[in-house]
Amino acid sequence: MKPTHPILVTGAAGFIGSRFVASCNEQGWPVVSVDDPTSFGARPELTGIEFGRRFGLHDLWPWLQTERPELTALVHLGACTDTMEMNEAYLRAVNLEYSQNIWTYCVKRRLPLVYASSAATYGDGSLGYDDDEALIPRLLPLNPYGQSKQDFDCWALDQERRGSAPPTWSAFKFFNVYGFGERHKDKMASVVLHAFDQIRTKGTVRLFRSHRAGIADGEQKRDFIYVRDVVDVLRFALEKPLTRGIFNLGTGQARTFLDLARCVFRELERPETIEFIDTPIEIRERYQYFTEAKMGRLRAAGYTAPFTSLEEGVRRYVRDLLGGPERT
């Protein structure tokens, strides 16, 4: 597949968005990029990426309405992804209402849509991590960010039931994505990057202590997924294309934070030194002790490629950090 017309990508200068655009460059897919205009030239890891025509978040709509450009599809990755953001009005505007406008535009112009949901919608995991859409309305996110993603998923499913949906559409509940290009996320960057920086500067990694009986310090588990795998799935959704649905996007295998830290120590060839600190009070009640994506629906839809192991993903990431533009 080589699209004749551009793919419009929101959040194009972000972590996953920029890796997706770079992948489009590799495939020869033309793109139109949407993000904060200051973001495109702000970070060295974006060097060499061809973003095509660029628009700010709000500059996009006048262009779409006046020029009515021919587009192949729309990939909506733009969002506030800060799980500590407590301004619900802001999250509603950025994560819900903006996404509703994107959906409505795709319905009107009959454009395929792929968008980012989040595993944060699963809350404490008491209902499991099954992407059966019948369970979605029952999920209880632990923070306003997760709720904003949940609200849009529910709205999209309701729109589809009312007969108002893009010709094809798919959404992905991203689990814990890590990989090159995330340094700008600061505190919201993956534990892999934080571990890399801590080991190189102090020789030790700080992990949260467990505050739950039966779970040892560092044995909290997440489904860590390498960013290249995420990009490959997004491309698959467009190329196949996936007809419709909300899917999990993780590896399907939870790993401990100790596993992750040990991978980084090994790649940096440093002795293993880990310090456990109390989970901050302000997030302790909302802290997830286990996440693991059930991947059966995406596999049944035809995605058969293996996911990168944590060991291999960390190896590639550390290599990029040591030799790439983010080198510190």
Protein backbone atom coordinates (compact mmCIF):
# COMPACT_ATOMS: atom_id res chain seq x y z
CA MET A 1 0.00 0.00 0.00
CA LYS A 2 1.24 3.45 -0.94
CA PRO A 3 -1.45 6.07 -0.33
CA THR A 4 -2.07 8.48 -3.19
CA HIS A 5 -3.20 11.19 -0.79
CA PRO A 6 -1.67 12.15 2.56
CA ILE A 7 -2.50 10.60 5.91
CA LEU A 8 -3.39 13.30 8.40
CA VAL A 9 -1.67 12.66 11.75
CA THR A 10 -2.57 14.55 14.92
CA GLY A 11 -0.01 14.59 17.71
CA ALA A 12 2.57 14.20 14.95
CA ALA A 13 5.43 15.75 16.94
CA GLY A 14 4.71 13.67 20.04
CA PHE A 15 6.35 10.44 21.13
CA ILE A 16 4.27 7.86 19.27
CA GLY A 17 3.17 10.34 16.61
CA SER A 18 6.70 11.21 15.52
CA ARG A 19 7.68 7.54 15.37
CA PHE A 20 4.59 6.87 13.26
CA VAL A 21 5.42 9.73 10.88
CA ALA A 22 9.02 8.46 10.61
CA SER A 23 7.61 5.06 9.70
CA CYS A 24 5.42 6.69 7.04
CA ASN A 25 8.56 8.32 5.64
CA GLU A 26 10.20 4.88 5.43
CA GLN A 27 7.19 3.49 3.57
CA GLY A 28 6.88 6.47 1.22
CA TRP A 29 3.49 7.44 2.67
CA PRO A 30 2.78 11.21 2.43
CA VAL A 31 1.57 12.90 5.61
CA VAL A 32 0.00 16.09 6.88
CA SER A 33 1.04 16.78 10.47
CA VAL A 34 -0.90 18.46 13.28
CA ASP A 35 0.61 19.54 16.61
CA ASP A 36 1.75 22.56 18.59
CA PRO A 37 3.77 24.46 15.92
CA THR A 38 6.66 24.99 18.36
CA SER A 39 7.05 21.24 18.85
CA PHE A 40 8.22 20.34 15.38
CA GLY A 41 11.66 21.92 15.67
CA ALA A 42 12.03 21.77 19.43
CA ARG A 43 13.62 18.35 19.91
CA PRO A 44 16.74 16.83 18.35
CA GLU A 45 15.14 13.38 17.99
CA LEU A 46 12.80 14.85 15.38
CA THR A 47 15.74 15.71 13.11
CA GLY A 48 15.35 14.16 9.67
CA ILE A 49 11.63 13.41 9.94
CA GLU A 50 9.59 14.79 7.04
CA PHE A 51 6.34 16.06 8.54
CA GLY A 52 4.86 17.34 5.29
CA ARG A 53 2.46 20.23 5.60
CA ARG A 54 2.13 21.30 9.25
CA PHE A 55 -0.76 22.77 11.19
CA GLY A 56 -1.44 23.85 14.75
CA LEU A 57 -4.29 22.20 16.61
CA HIS A 58 -6.74 24.97 15.85
CA ASP A 59 -5.32 26.03 12.47
CA LEU A 60 -6.33 22.65 11.12
CA TRP A 61 -10.08 23.26 11.00
CA PRO A 62 -10.08 26.36 8.74
CA TRP A 63 -7.82 24.53 6.30
CA LEU A 64 -10.03 21.45 6.24
CA GLN A 65 -13.19 23.52 5.78
CA THR A 66 -11.89 25.88 3.11
CA GLU A 67 -9.59 23.65 1.05
CA ARG A 68 -11.39 20.32 1.55
CA PRO A 69 -8.12 18.40 0.92
CA GLU A 70 -8.04 14.86 -0.42
CA LEU A 71 -6.83 12.59 2.38
CA THR A 72 -6.30 8.83 2.61
CA ALA A 73 -7.03 8.46 6.33
CA LEU A 74 -6.77 10.22 9.66
CA VAL A 75 -4.61 8.93 12.53
CA HIS A 76 -5.57 10.74 15.73
CA LEU A 77 -2.80 10.48 18.34
CA GLY A 78 -2.96 14.02 19.73
CA ALA A 79 -4.05 14.28 23.36
CA CYS A 80 -3.07 15.41 26.83
CA THR A 81 -1.48 12.22 28.19
CA ASP A 82 -0.54 13.52 31.64
CA THR A 83 -2.07 11.11 34.14
CA MET A 84 -1.50 13.72 36.87
CA GLU A 85 -3.60 16.38 35.11
CA MET A 86 -6.58 17.19 37.32
CA ASN A 87 -8.19 19.95 35.22
CA GLU A 88 -11.23 18.07 34.00
CA ALA A 89 -12.48 20.95 31.81
CA TYR A 90 -9.14 21.04 29.99
CA LEU A 91 -9.12 17.26 29.49
CA ARG A 92 -12.70 17.37 28.25
CA ALA A 93 -11.82 20.00 25.65
CA VAL A 94 -8.56 18.41 24.48
CA ASN A 95 -9.23 14.67 24.80
CA LEU A 96 -12.99 14.42 24.35
CA GLU A 97 -14.39 17.34 22.38
CA TYR A 98 -11.46 17.61 19.97
CA SER A 99 -11.72 13.86 19.34
CA GLN A 100 -15.46 14.17 18.74
CA ASN A 101 -14.74 16.80 16.10
CA ILE A 102 -12.21 14.47 14.46
CA TRP A 103 -14.74 11.61 14.42
CA THR A 104 -17.48 13.83 12.99
CA TYR A 105 -15.18 15.08 10.25
CA CYS A 106 -14.24 11.52 9.27
CA VAL A 107 -17.92 10.55 9.15
CA LYS A 108 -18.75 13.53 6.95
CA ARG A 109 -15.82 13.04 4.56
CA ARG A 110 -15.96 9.20 4.64
CA LEU A 111 -12.38 8.96 5.88
CA PRO A 112 -10.92 5.92 7.66
CA LEU A 113 -9.99 6.75 11.27
CA VAL A 114 -7.45 5.24 13.65
CA TYR A 115 -7.24 6.77 17.11
CA ALA A 116 -5.46 6.35 20.44
CA SER A 117 -7.38 5.17 23.47
CA SER A 118 -5.56 4.12 26.66
CA ALA A 119 -5.16 1.24 29.09
CA ALA A 120 -5.79 3.87 31.79
CA THR A 121 -9.48 3.26 31.05
CA TYR A 122 -9.19 -0.08 32.93
CA GLY A 123 -8.71 1.64 36.29
CA ASP A 124 -7.58 -0.71 39.05
CA GLY A 125 -8.04 -3.75 36.81
CA SER A 126 -10.79 -5.23 38.97
CA LEU A 127 -12.75 -6.00 35.80
CA GLY A 128 -9.68 -7.41 34.07
CA TYR A 129 -8.01 -6.25 30.87
CA ASP A 130 -10.32 -7.79 28.29
CA ASP A 131 -11.12 -5.51 25.32
CA ASP A 132 -14.60 -7.00 24.90
CA GLU A 133 -16.54 -3.86 23.96
CA ALA A 134 -19.52 -4.96 26.04
CA LEU A 135 -17.39 -4.34 29.14
CA ILE A 136 -16.29 -0.81 28.20
CA PRO A 137 -19.22 1.10 29.79
CA ARG A 138 -18.52 -0.65 33.12
CA LEU A 139 -14.86 0.43 33.38
CA LEU A 140 -13.88 2.84 36.15
CA PRO A 141 -10.70 4.83 35.38
CA LEU A 142 -8.64 6.03 38.34
CA ASN A 143 -7.88 9.54 37.08
CA PRO A 144 -9.40 12.28 34.90
CA TYR A 145 -7.06 11.44 32.01
CA GLY A 146 -8.31 7.85 31.90
CA GLN A 147 -11.88 9.07 32.24
CA SER A 148 -11.51 11.41 29.26
CA LYS A 149 -10.35 8.47 27.13
CA GLN A 150 -13.16 6.30 28.47
CA ASP A 151 -15.73 9.00 27.70
CA PHE A 152 -14.64 9.17 24.08
CA ASP A 153 -14.63 5.39 23.62
CA CYS A 154 -18.20 5.23 24.96
CA TRP A 155 -19.26 8.17 22.79
CA ALA A 156 -17.73 6.58 19.67
CA LEU A 157 -19.54 3.29 20.27
CA ASP A 158 -22.79 5.17 20.81
CA GLN A 159 -22.30 7.10 17.57
CA GLU A 160 -21.73 3.85 15.72
CA ARG A 161 -24.96 2.40 17.17
CA ARG A 162 -26.75 5.49 15.87
CA GLY A 163 -25.38 4.83 12.36
CA SER A 164 -22.81 7.63 12.42
CA ALA A 165 -19.33 6.16 12.01
CA PRO A 166 -16.36 6.48 9.63
CA PRO A 167 -16.24 3.88 6.83
CA THR A 168 -13.58 2.01 8.82
CA TRP A 169 -12.38 2.88 12.30
CA SER A 170 -10.19 1.36 14.96
CA ALA A 171 -8.94 2.46 18.35
CA PHE A 172 -6.11 1.14 20.49
CA LYS A 173 -5.79 1.02 24.24
CA PHE A 174 -2.07 1.68 24.56
CA PHE A 175 -0.47 -0.05 27.54
CA ASN A 176 2.99 1.07 28.79
CA VAL A 177 4.77 2.29 25.68
CA TYR A 178 8.52 2.92 25.81
CA GLY A 179 11.19 3.75 23.25
CA PHE A 180 13.25 6.44 21.63
CA GLY A 181 11.70 9.90 21.35
CA GLU A 182 9.98 10.28 24.71
CA ARG A 183 12.40 12.48 26.67
CA HIS A 184 10.16 15.53 26.29
CA LYS A 185 7.50 13.73 28.33
CA ASP A 186 9.59 14.39 31.46
CA LYS A 187 7.87 12.76 34.47
CA MET A 188 5.44 10.95 32.16
CA ALA A 189 8.28 9.23 30.26
CA SER A 190 8.71 5.49 30.71
CA VAL A 191 10.55 3.91 33.62
CA VAL A 192 13.11 2.69 31.07
CA LEU A 193 14.24 6.25 30.38
CA HIS A 194 14.19 7.22 34.06
CA ALA A 195 16.23 4.12 34.91
CA PHE A 196 18.72 4.91 32.14
CA ASP A 197 19.25 8.45 33.46
CA GLN A 198 19.46 7.40 37.11
CA ILE A 199 21.98 4.65 36.45
CA ARG A 200 24.23 6.90 34.39
CA THR A 201 24.16 9.78 36.86
CA LYS A 202 23.93 8.03 40.25
CA GLY A 203 24.56 4.36 39.59
CA THR A 204 21.24 3.33 41.13
CA VAL A 205 17.56 3.00 40.19
CA ARG A 206 14.72 4.15 42.41
CA LEU A 207 11.52 2.07 42.27
CA PHE A 208 8.29 2.40 44.20
CA ARG A 209 7.94 0.24 47.28
CA SER A 210 4.91 -2.06 47.35
CA HIS A 211 2.11 -1.00 49.66
CA ARG A 212 0.00 -4.07 48.99
CA ALA A 213 0.18 -7.31 50.94
CA GLY A 214 1.39 -10.27 48.91
CA ILE A 215 3.32 -8.18 46.38
CA ALA A 216 7.02 -7.67 47.06
CA ASP A 217 8.85 -4.42 46.35
CA GLY A 218 9.54 -4.12 42.64
CA GLU A 219 7.21 -6.99 41.78
CA GLN A 220 4.48 -4.64 40.56
CA LYS A 221 3.81 -5.58 36.94
CA ARG A 222 3.05 -3.74 33.72
CA ASP A 223 2.57 -4.71 30.11
CA PHE A 224 5.52 -2.83 28.57
CA ILE A 225 5.33 -2.45 24.78
CA TYR A 226 8.09 -1.18 22.50
CA VAL A 227 7.10 1.85 20.43
CA ARG A 228 8.02 0.24 17.11
CA ASP A 229 5.45 -2.49 17.77
CA VAL A 230 2.82 0.18 18.38
CA VAL A 231 3.68 1.85 15.08
CA ASP A 232 3.53 -1.46 13.24
CA VAL A 233 0.02 -2.11 14.58
CA LEU A 234 -1.16 1.37 13.58
CA ARG A 235 0.09 0.74 10.05
CA PHE A 236 -1.57 -2.68 10.02
CA ALA A 237 -4.89 -1.08 11.00
CA LEU A 238 -4.66 1.17 7.95
CA GLU A 239 -3.32 -1.38 5.50
CA LYS A 240 -5.60 -4.31 6.25
CA PRO A 241 -7.76 -2.23 7.01
CA LEU A 242 -9.41 -3.08 10.31
CA THR A 243 -13.12 -2.61 9.75
CA ARG A 244 -14.05 -1.35 13.21
CA GLY A 245 -13.43 -1.76 16.91
CA ILE A 246 -11.53 -0.85 20.07
CA PHE A 247 -8.52 -3.09 20.67
CA ASN A 248 -5.89 -3.59 23.34
CA LEU A 249 -2.32 -2.82 22.36
CA GLY A 250 0.22 -4.41 24.66
CA THR A 251 2.38 -7.51 24.41
CA GLY A 252 0.03 -9.72 26.40
CA GLN A 253 2.78 -10.47 28.92
CA ALA A 254 3.15 -8.49 32.16
CA ARG A 255 6.69 -7.98 33.47
CA THR A 256 7.93 -6.61 36.77
CA PHE A 257 9.65 -3.30 37.33
CA LEU A 258 12.58 -5.32 38.66
CA ASP A 259 12.80 -7.11 35.31
CA LEU A 260 12.88 -3.75 33.55
CA ALA A 261 15.52 -2.22 35.83
CA ARG A 262 17.75 -5.27 35.50
CA CYS A 263 17.53 -5.05 31.70
CA VAL A 264 18.79 -1.46 31.81
CA PHE A 265 21.63 -2.28 34.22
CA ARG A 266 22.68 -5.14 31.96
CA GLU A 267 22.69 -3.02 28.80
CA LEU A 268 24.71 -0.27 30.52
CA GLU A 269 27.06 -2.91 31.98
CA ARG A 270 26.64 -1.48 35.47
CA PRO A 271 26.27 -3.36 38.77
CA GLU A 272 22.67 -3.72 39.94
CA THR A 273 21.75 -1.26 42.72
CA ILE A 274 18.08 -0.62 43.42
CA GLU A 275 16.56 1.68 46.05
CA PHE A 276 12.89 1.39 47.00
CA ILE A 277 10.97 4.53 47.89
CA ASP A 278 7.42 5.07 49.11
CA THR A 279 4.80 5.58 46.44
CA PRO A 280 3.71 9.24 46.79
CA ILE A 281 0.58 9.63 48.89
CA GLU A 282 -1.17 11.63 46.16
CA ILE A 283 -1.10 8.71 43.71
CA ARG A 284 -0.98 5.74 46.09
CA GLU A 285 -4.70 5.00 45.96
CA ARG A 286 -4.72 5.23 42.16
CA TYR A 287 -1.58 3.18 41.58
CA GLN A 288 -1.94 0.10 39.37
CA TYR A 289 -0.16 -3.02 40.64
CA PHE A 290 -0.81 -5.12 37.53
CA THR A 291 -1.68 -4.56 33.89
CA GLU A 292 -1.67 -7.15 31.10
CA ALA A 293 -3.40 -6.76 27.78
CA LYS A 294 -5.55 -9.57 26.47
CA MET A 295 -4.55 -9.62 22.82
CA GLY A 296 -6.91 -12.25 21.41
CA ARG A 297 -9.14 -9.85 19.48
CA LEU A 298 -6.29 -8.16 17.61
CA ARG A 299 -4.75 -11.57 16.83
CA ALA A 300 -8.12 -12.81 15.60
CA ALA A 301 -8.34 -9.73 13.38
CA GLY A 302 -5.19 -10.88 11.58
CA TYR A 303 -2.22 -9.30 13.34
CA THR A 304 0.26 -12.15 13.63
CA ALA A 305 3.66 -10.44 14.07
CA PRO A 306 5.47 -11.21 17.35
CA PHE A 307 5.91 -8.42 19.88
CA THR A 308 9.37 -7.32 20.93
CA SER A 309 10.51 -8.82 24.23
CA LEU A 310 11.33 -6.45 27.08
CA GLU A 311 14.97 -7.53 26.91
CA GLU A 312 15.24 -6.78 23.18
CA GLY A 313 13.25 -3.55 23.38
CA VAL A 314 15.42 -2.20 26.19
CA ARG A 315 18.55 -3.25 24.30
CA ARG A 316 17.47 -1.27 21.21
CA TYR A 317 16.33 1.70 23.25
CA VAL A 318 19.53 1.98 25.27
CA ARG A 319 21.55 1.68 22.07
CA ASP A 320 19.56 4.56 20.57
CA LEU A 321 19.96 6.66 23.70
CA LEU A 322 23.71 6.16 23.75
CA GLY A 323 24.22 6.83 20.07
CA GLY A 324 21.26 8.93 18.97
CA PRO A 325 20.34 12.61 19.15
CA GLU A 326 19.03 12.21 22.72
CA ARG A 327 22.48 11.27 23.98
CA THR A 328 23.21 12.91 27.33
